[in-house]
PDB file of all heavy atoms in Angstrom:
ATOM      1  N   THR A   1     147.441-182.037-117.676  1.00  0.00           N
ATOM      2  CA  THR A   1     146.647-182.754-118.670  1.00  0.00           C
ATOM      3  C   THR A   1     145.619-181.874-119.349  1.00  0.00           C
ATOM      4  O   THR A   1     145.404-181.948-120.560  1.00  0.00           O
ATOM      5  CB  THR A   1     145.930-183.948-118.019  1.00  0.00           C
ATOM      6  OG1 THR A   1     146.905-184.814-117.416  1.00  0.00           O
ATOM      7  CG2 THR A   1     145.121-184.740-119.035  1.00  0.00           C
ATOM      8  N   LYS A   2     144.979-181.000-118.584  1.00  0.00           N
ATOM      9  CA  LYS A   2     143.991-180.099-119.149  1.00  0.00           C
ATOM     10  C   LYS A   2     144.596-179.215-120.226  1.00  0.00           C
ATOM     11  O   LYS A   2     144.000-179.002-121.295  1.00  0.00           O
ATOM     12  CB  LYS A   2     143.358-179.250-118.034  1.00  0.00           C
ATOM     13  CG  LYS A   2     142.255-178.309-118.532  1.00  0.00           C
ATOM     14  CD  LYS A   2     141.654-177.518-117.377  1.00  0.00           C
ATOM     15  CE  LYS A   2     140.566-176.572-117.877  1.00  0.00           C
ATOM     16  NZ  LYS A   2     139.986-175.769-116.766  1.00  0.00           N
ATOM     17  N   THR A   3     145.778-178.687-119.933  1.00  0.00           N
ATOM     18  CA  THR A   3     146.465-177.836-120.911  1.00  0.00           C
ATOM     19  C   THR A   3     146.884-178.624-122.139  1.00  0.00           C
ATOM     20  O   THR A   3     146.786-178.149-123.274  1.00  0.00           O
ATOM     21  CB  THR A   3     147.670-177.150-120.275  1.00  0.00           C
ATOM     22  OG1 THR A   3     147.256-176.392-119.137  1.00  0.00           O
ATOM     23  CG2 THR A   3     148.368-176.228-121.270  1.00  0.00           C
ATOM     24  N   LEU A   4     147.362-179.862-121.925  1.00  0.00           N
ATOM     25  CA  LEU A   4     147.761-180.712-123.038  1.00  0.00           C
ATOM     26  C   LEU A   4     146.578-180.988-123.969  1.00  0.00           C
ATOM     27  O   LEU A   4     146.724-180.893-125.199  1.00  0.00           O
ATOM     28  CB  LEU A   4     148.320-182.049-122.520  1.00  0.00           C
ATOM     29  CG  LEU A   4     149.675-182.000-121.826  1.00  0.00           C
ATOM     30  CD1 LEU A   4     150.021-183.367-121.246  1.00  0.00           C
ATOM     31  CD2 LEU A   4     150.773-181.559-122.800  1.00  0.00           C
ATOM     32  N   ILE A   5     145.427-181.296-123.386  1.00  0.00           N
ATOM     33  CA  ILE A   5     144.232-181.541-124.183  1.00  0.00           C
ATOM     34  C   ILE A   5     143.850-180.281-124.943  1.00  0.00           C
ATOM     35  O   ILE A   5     143.516-180.326-126.126  1.00  0.00           O
ATOM     36  CB  ILE A   5     143.073-182.030-123.303  1.00  0.00           C
ATOM     37  CG1 ILE A   5     143.391-183.400-122.729  1.00  0.00           C
ATOM     38  CG2 ILE A   5     141.783-182.068-124.108  1.00  0.00           C
ATOM     39  CD1 ILE A   5     142.373-183.892-121.715  1.00  0.00           C
ATOM     40  N   SER A   6     143.916-179.142-124.251  1.00  0.00           N
ATOM     41  CA  SER A   6     143.568-177.869-124.881  1.00  0.00           C
ATOM     42  C   SER A   6     144.508-177.570-126.053  1.00  0.00           C
ATOM     43  O   SER A   6     144.039-177.152-127.133  1.00  0.00           O
ATOM     44  CB  SER A   6     143.659-176.735-123.861  1.00  0.00           C
ATOM     45  OG  SER A   6     143.456-175.477-124.475  1.00  0.00           O
ATOM     46  N   ILE A   7     145.799-177.811-125.870  1.00  0.00           N
ATOM     47  CA  ILE A   7     146.766-177.562-126.925  1.00  0.00           C
ATOM     48  C   ILE A   7     146.537-178.492-128.101  1.00  0.00           C
ATOM     49  O   ILE A   7     146.547-178.076-129.273  1.00  0.00           O
ATOM     50  CB  ILE A   7     148.205-177.706-126.408  1.00  0.00           C
ATOM     51  CG1 ILE A   7     148.551-176.573-125.439  1.00  0.00           C
ATOM     52  CG2 ILE A   7     149.218-177.713-127.555  1.00  0.00           C
ATOM     53  CD1 ILE A   7     149.877-176.738-124.755  1.00  0.00           C
ATOM     54  N   ALA A   8     146.298-179.786-127.818  1.00  0.00           N
ATOM     55  CA  ALA A   8     146.095-180.771-128.886  1.00  0.00           C
ATOM     56  C   ALA A   8     144.836-180.476-129.687  1.00  0.00           C
ATOM     57  O   ALA A   8     144.843-180.496-130.935  1.00  0.00           O
ATOM     58  CB  ALA A   8     146.040-182.175-128.290  1.00  0.00           C
ATOM     59  N   VAL A   9     143.742-180.184-128.975  1.00  0.00           N
ATOM     60  CA  VAL A   9     142.470-179.910-129.657  1.00  0.00           C
ATOM     61  C   VAL A   9     142.572-178.631-130.475  1.00  0.00           C
ATOM     62  O   VAL A   9     142.144-178.586-131.637  1.00  0.00           O
ATOM     63  CB  VAL A   9     141.306-179.815-128.629  1.00  0.00           C
ATOM     64  CG1 VAL A   9     140.042-179.298-129.304  1.00  0.00           C
ATOM     65  CG2 VAL A   9     141.056-181.180-128.007  1.00  0.00           C
ATOM     66  N   SER A  10     143.137-177.584-129.869  1.00  0.00           N
ATOM     67  CA  SER A  10     143.240-176.327-130.602  1.00  0.00           C
ATOM     68  C   SER A  10     144.177-176.470-131.798  1.00  0.00           C
ATOM     69  O   SER A  10     143.933-175.896-132.868  1.00  0.00           O
ATOM     70  CB  SER A  10     143.740-175.205-129.681  1.00  0.00           C
ATOM     71  OG  SER A  10     145.018-175.492-129.152  1.00  0.00           O
ATOM     72  N   SER A  11     145.242-177.289-131.616  1.00  0.00           N
ATOM     73  CA  SER A  11     146.154-177.521-132.734  1.00  0.00           C
ATOM     74  C   SER A  11     145.413-178.208-133.881  1.00  0.00           C
ATOM     75  O   SER A  11     145.583-177.851-135.058  1.00  0.00           O
ATOM     76  CB  SER A  11     147.325-178.389-132.285  1.00  0.00           C
ATOM     77  OG  SER A  11     148.138-177.710-131.366  1.00  0.00           O
ATOM     78  N   TYR A  12     144.569-179.193-133.549  1.00  0.00           N
ATOM     79  CA  TYR A  12     143.860-179.900-134.598  1.00  0.00           C
ATOM     80  C   TYR A  12     142.814-179.021-135.266  1.00  0.00           C
ATOM     81  O   TYR A  12     142.586-179.125-136.485  1.00  0.00           O
ATOM     82  CB  TYR A  12     143.215-181.173-134.083  1.00  0.00           C
ATOM     83  CG  TYR A  12     142.637-182.012-135.191  1.00  0.00           C
ATOM     84  CD1 TYR A  12     143.437-182.431-136.253  1.00  0.00           C
ATOM     85  CD2 TYR A  12     141.273-182.337-135.241  1.00  0.00           C
ATOM     86  CE1 TYR A  12     142.917-183.167-137.309  1.00  0.00           C
ATOM     87  CE2 TYR A  12     140.740-183.067-136.285  1.00  0.00           C
ATOM     88  CZ  TYR A  12     141.567-183.480-137.317  1.00  0.00           C
ATOM     89  OH  TYR A  12     141.056-184.208-138.361  1.00  0.00           O
ATOM     90  N   VAL A  13     142.181-178.156-134.488  1.00  0.00           N
ATOM     91  CA  VAL A  13     141.238-177.206-135.076  1.00  0.00           C
ATOM     92  C   VAL A  13     141.960-176.336-136.096  1.00  0.00           C
ATOM     93  O   VAL A  13     141.471-176.100-137.217  1.00  0.00           O
ATOM     94  CB  VAL A  13     140.574-176.324-133.997  1.00  0.00           C
ATOM     95  CG1 VAL A  13     139.784-175.172-134.636  1.00  0.00           C
ATOM     96  CG2 VAL A  13     139.635-177.173-133.124  1.00  0.00           C
ATOM     97  N   ILE A  14     143.138-175.878-135.724  1.00  0.00           N
ATOM     98  CA  ILE A  14     143.969-175.078-136.661  1.00  0.00           C
ATOM     99  C   ILE A  14     144.324-175.929-137.869  1.00  0.00           C
ATOM    100  O   ILE A  14     144.271-175.466-139.015  1.00  0.00           O
ATOM    101  CB  ILE A  14     145.229-174.562-135.955  1.00  0.00           C
ATOM    102  CG1 ILE A  14     144.872-173.541-134.888  1.00  0.00           C
ATOM    103  CG2 ILE A  14     146.188-173.949-136.989  1.00  0.00           C
ATOM    104  CD1 ILE A  14     144.216-172.284-135.414  1.00  0.00           C
ATOM    105  N   PHE A  15     144.686-177.198-137.636  1.00  0.00           N
ATOM    106  CA  PHE A  15     145.063-178.060-138.756  1.00  0.00           C
ATOM    107  C   PHE A  15     143.890-178.330-139.688  1.00  0.00           C
ATOM    108  O   PHE A  15     144.073-178.470-140.898  1.00  0.00           O
ATOM    109  CB  PHE A  15     145.609-179.392-138.212  1.00  0.00           C
ATOM    110  CG  PHE A  15     146.996-179.309-137.636  1.00  0.00           C
ATOM    111  CD1 PHE A  15     147.340-180.078-136.532  1.00  0.00           C
ATOM    112  CD2 PHE A  15     147.944-178.470-138.187  1.00  0.00           C
ATOM    113  CE1 PHE A  15     148.626-180.004-135.998  1.00  0.00           C
ATOM    114  CE2 PHE A  15     149.215-178.387-137.657  1.00  0.00           C
ATOM    115  CZ  PHE A  15     149.582-179.152-136.563  1.00  0.00           C
ATOM    116  N   ILE A  16     142.671-178.410-139.143  1.00  0.00           N
ATOM    117  CA  ILE A  16     141.495-178.576-140.006  1.00  0.00           C
ATOM    118  C   ILE A  16     141.381-177.358-140.935  1.00  0.00           C
ATOM    119  O   ILE A  16     141.182-177.514-142.150  1.00  0.00           O
ATOM    120  CB  ILE A  16     140.218-178.741-139.161  1.00  0.00           C
ATOM    121  CG1 ILE A  16     140.225-180.082-138.433  1.00  0.00           C
ATOM    122  CG2 ILE A  16     138.978-178.625-140.048  1.00  0.00           C
ATOM    123  CD1 ILE A  16     139.063-180.244-137.471  1.00  0.00           C
ATOM    124  N   VAL A  17     141.515-176.179-140.351  1.00  0.00           N
ATOM    125  CA  VAL A  17     141.424-174.950-141.151  1.00  0.00           C
ATOM    126  C   VAL A  17     142.534-174.894-142.185  1.00  0.00           C
ATOM    127  O   VAL A  17     142.289-174.596-143.361  1.00  0.00           O
ATOM    128  CB  VAL A  17     141.475-173.705-140.234  1.00  0.00           C
ATOM    129  CG1 VAL A  17     141.508-172.427-141.071  1.00  0.00           C
ATOM    130  CG2 VAL A  17     140.289-173.688-139.278  1.00  0.00           C
ATOM    131  N   THR A  18     143.770-175.184-141.751  1.00  0.00           N
ATOM    132  CA  THR A  18     144.898-175.098-142.685  1.00  0.00           C
ATOM    133  C   THR A  18     144.793-176.155-143.779  1.00  0.00           C
ATOM    134  O   THR A  18     145.178-175.910-144.928  1.00  0.00           O
ATOM    135  CB  THR A  18     146.236-175.256-141.943  1.00  0.00           C
ATOM    136  OG1 THR A  18     146.244-176.515-141.218  1.00  0.00           O
ATOM    137  CG2 THR A  18     146.460-174.112-140.978  1.00  0.00           C
ATOM    138  N   SER A  19     144.270-177.322-143.432  1.00  0.00           N
ATOM    139  CA  SER A  19     144.129-178.406-144.416  1.00  0.00           C
ATOM    140  C   SER A  19     143.093-178.045-145.490  1.00  0.00           C
ATOM    141  O   SER A  19     143.315-178.252-146.688  1.00  0.00           O
ATOM    142  CB  SER A  19     143.734-179.708-143.738  1.00  0.00           C
ATOM    143  OG  SER A  19     144.734-180.141-142.841  1.00  0.00           O
ATOM    144  N   LEU A  20     141.970-177.515-145.049  1.00  0.00           N
ATOM    145  CA  LEU A  20     140.918-177.129-145.990  1.00  0.00           C
ATOM    146  C   LEU A  20     141.360-175.923-146.824  1.00  0.00           C
ATOM    147  O   LEU A  20     141.050-175.828-148.013  1.00  0.00           O
ATOM    148  CB  LEU A  20     139.612-176.816-145.256  1.00  0.00           C
ATOM    149  CG  LEU A  20     138.980-177.997-144.504  1.00  0.00           C
ATOM    150  CD1 LEU A  20     137.737-177.517-143.750  1.00  0.00           C
ATOM    151  CD2 LEU A  20     138.599-179.116-145.474  1.00  0.00           C
ATOM    152  N   THR A  21     142.096-175.015-146.193  1.00  0.00           N
ATOM    153  CA  THR A  21     142.554-173.816-146.897  1.00  0.00           C
ATOM    154  C   THR A  21     143.572-174.135-147.965  1.00  0.00           C
ATOM    155  O   THR A  21     143.675-173.416-148.978  1.00  0.00           O
ATOM    156  CB  THR A  21     143.150-172.814-145.892  1.00  0.00           C
ATOM    157  OG1 THR A  21     142.188-172.531-144.867  1.00  0.00           O
ATOM    158  CG2 THR A  21     143.532-171.513-146.587  1.00  0.00           C
ATOM    159  N   ASP A  22     144.346-175.206-147.784  1.00  0.00           N
ATOM    160  CA  ASP A  22     145.411-175.487-148.755  1.00  0.00           C
ATOM    161  C   ASP A  22     144.863-176.103-150.058  1.00  0.00           C
ATOM    162  O   ASP A  22     145.612-176.239-151.028  1.00  0.00           O
ATOM    163  CB  ASP A  22     146.526-176.355-148.155  1.00  0.00           C
ATOM    164  CG  ASP A  22     146.186-177.848-148.072  1.00  0.00           C
ATOM    165  OD1 ASP A  22     145.153-178.283-148.585  1.00  0.00           O
ATOM    166  OD2 ASP A  22     147.017-178.577-147.492  1.00  0.00           O
ATOM    167  N   THR A  23     143.571-176.449-150.096  1.00  0.00           N
ATOM    168  CA  THR A  23     143.005-177.104-151.279  1.00  0.00           C
ATOM    169  C   THR A  23     143.162-176.267-152.553  1.00  0.00           C
ATOM    170  O   THR A  23     143.658-176.775-153.563  1.00  0.00           O
ATOM    171  CB  THR A  23     141.531-177.475-151.032  1.00  0.00           C
ATOM    172  OG1 THR A  23     141.424-178.319-149.902  1.00  0.00           O
ATOM    173  CG2 THR A  23     140.961-178.184-152.260  1.00  0.00           C
ATOM    174  N   PRO A  24     142.773-174.990-152.551  1.00  0.00           N
ATOM    175  CA  PRO A  24     142.977-174.210-153.780  1.00  0.00           C
ATOM    176  C   PRO A  24     144.446-174.043-154.150  1.00  0.00           C
ATOM    177  O   PRO A  24     144.784-173.907-155.328  1.00  0.00           O
ATOM    178  CB  PRO A  24     142.332-172.857-153.472  1.00  0.00           C
ATOM    179  CG  PRO A  24     142.231-172.789-151.979  1.00  0.00           C
ATOM    180  CD  PRO A  24     142.046-174.204-151.522  1.00  0.00           C
ATOM    181  N   PHE A  25     145.313-174.107-153.147  1.00  0.00           N
ATOM    182  CA  PHE A  25     146.733-173.960-153.425  1.00  0.00           C
ATOM    183  C   PHE A  25     147.303-175.194-154.134  1.00  0.00           C
ATOM    184  O   PHE A  25     148.188-175.061-154.979  1.00  0.00           O
ATOM    185  CB  PHE A  25     147.513-173.677-152.121  1.00  0.00           C
ATOM    186  CG  PHE A  25     147.271-172.294-151.576  1.00  0.00           C
ATOM    187  CD1 PHE A  25     146.225-172.049-150.694  1.00  0.00           C
ATOM    188  CD2 PHE A  25     148.079-171.239-151.955  1.00  0.00           C
ATOM    189  CE1 PHE A  25     146.010-170.781-150.190  1.00  0.00           C
ATOM    190  CE2 PHE A  25     147.859-169.953-151.467  1.00  0.00           C
ATOM    191  CZ  PHE A  25     146.821-169.732-150.575  1.00  0.00           C
ATOM    192  N   ILE A  26     146.815-176.382-153.780  1.00  0.00           N
ATOM    193  CA  ILE A  26     147.326-177.568-154.470  1.00  0.00           C
ATOM    194  C   ILE A  26     146.765-177.633-155.890  1.00  0.00           C
ATOM    195  O   ILE A  26     147.446-178.092-156.816  1.00  0.00           O
ATOM    196  CB  ILE A  26     147.039-178.863-153.677  1.00  0.00           C
ATOM    197  CG1 ILE A  26     147.852-180.006-154.249  1.00  0.00           C
ATOM    198  CG2 ILE A  26     145.553-179.194-153.681  1.00  0.00           C
ATOM    199  CD1 ILE A  26     147.858-181.255-153.413  1.00  0.00           C
ATOM    200  N   TYR A  27     145.537-177.138-156.090  1.00  0.00           N
ATOM    201  CA  TYR A  27     145.022-177.039-157.462  1.00  0.00           C
ATOM    202  C   TYR A  27     145.859-176.050-158.277  1.00  0.00           C
ATOM    203  O   TYR A  27     146.171-176.309-159.443  1.00  0.00           O
ATOM    204  CB  TYR A  27     143.557-176.600-157.453  1.00  0.00           C
ATOM    205  CG  TYR A  27     142.573-177.733-157.302  1.00  0.00           C
ATOM    206  CD1 TYR A  27     142.086-178.092-156.037  1.00  0.00           C
ATOM    207  CD2 TYR A  27     142.125-178.452-158.405  1.00  0.00           C
ATOM    208  CE1 TYR A  27     141.187-179.150-155.896  1.00  0.00           C
ATOM    209  CE2 TYR A  27     141.215-179.495-158.280  1.00  0.00           C
ATOM    210  CZ  TYR A  27     140.755-179.845-157.022  1.00  0.00           C
ATOM    211  OH  TYR A  27     139.865-180.881-156.881  1.00  0.00           O
TER     212      TYR A  27
END
């Protein structure tokens, strides 16, 4: 469970970065 939480949280942190980064690309 600890690893699952770590993977999920880290994945979402990456997704936050990738989501914000894609903004100039959609413009």
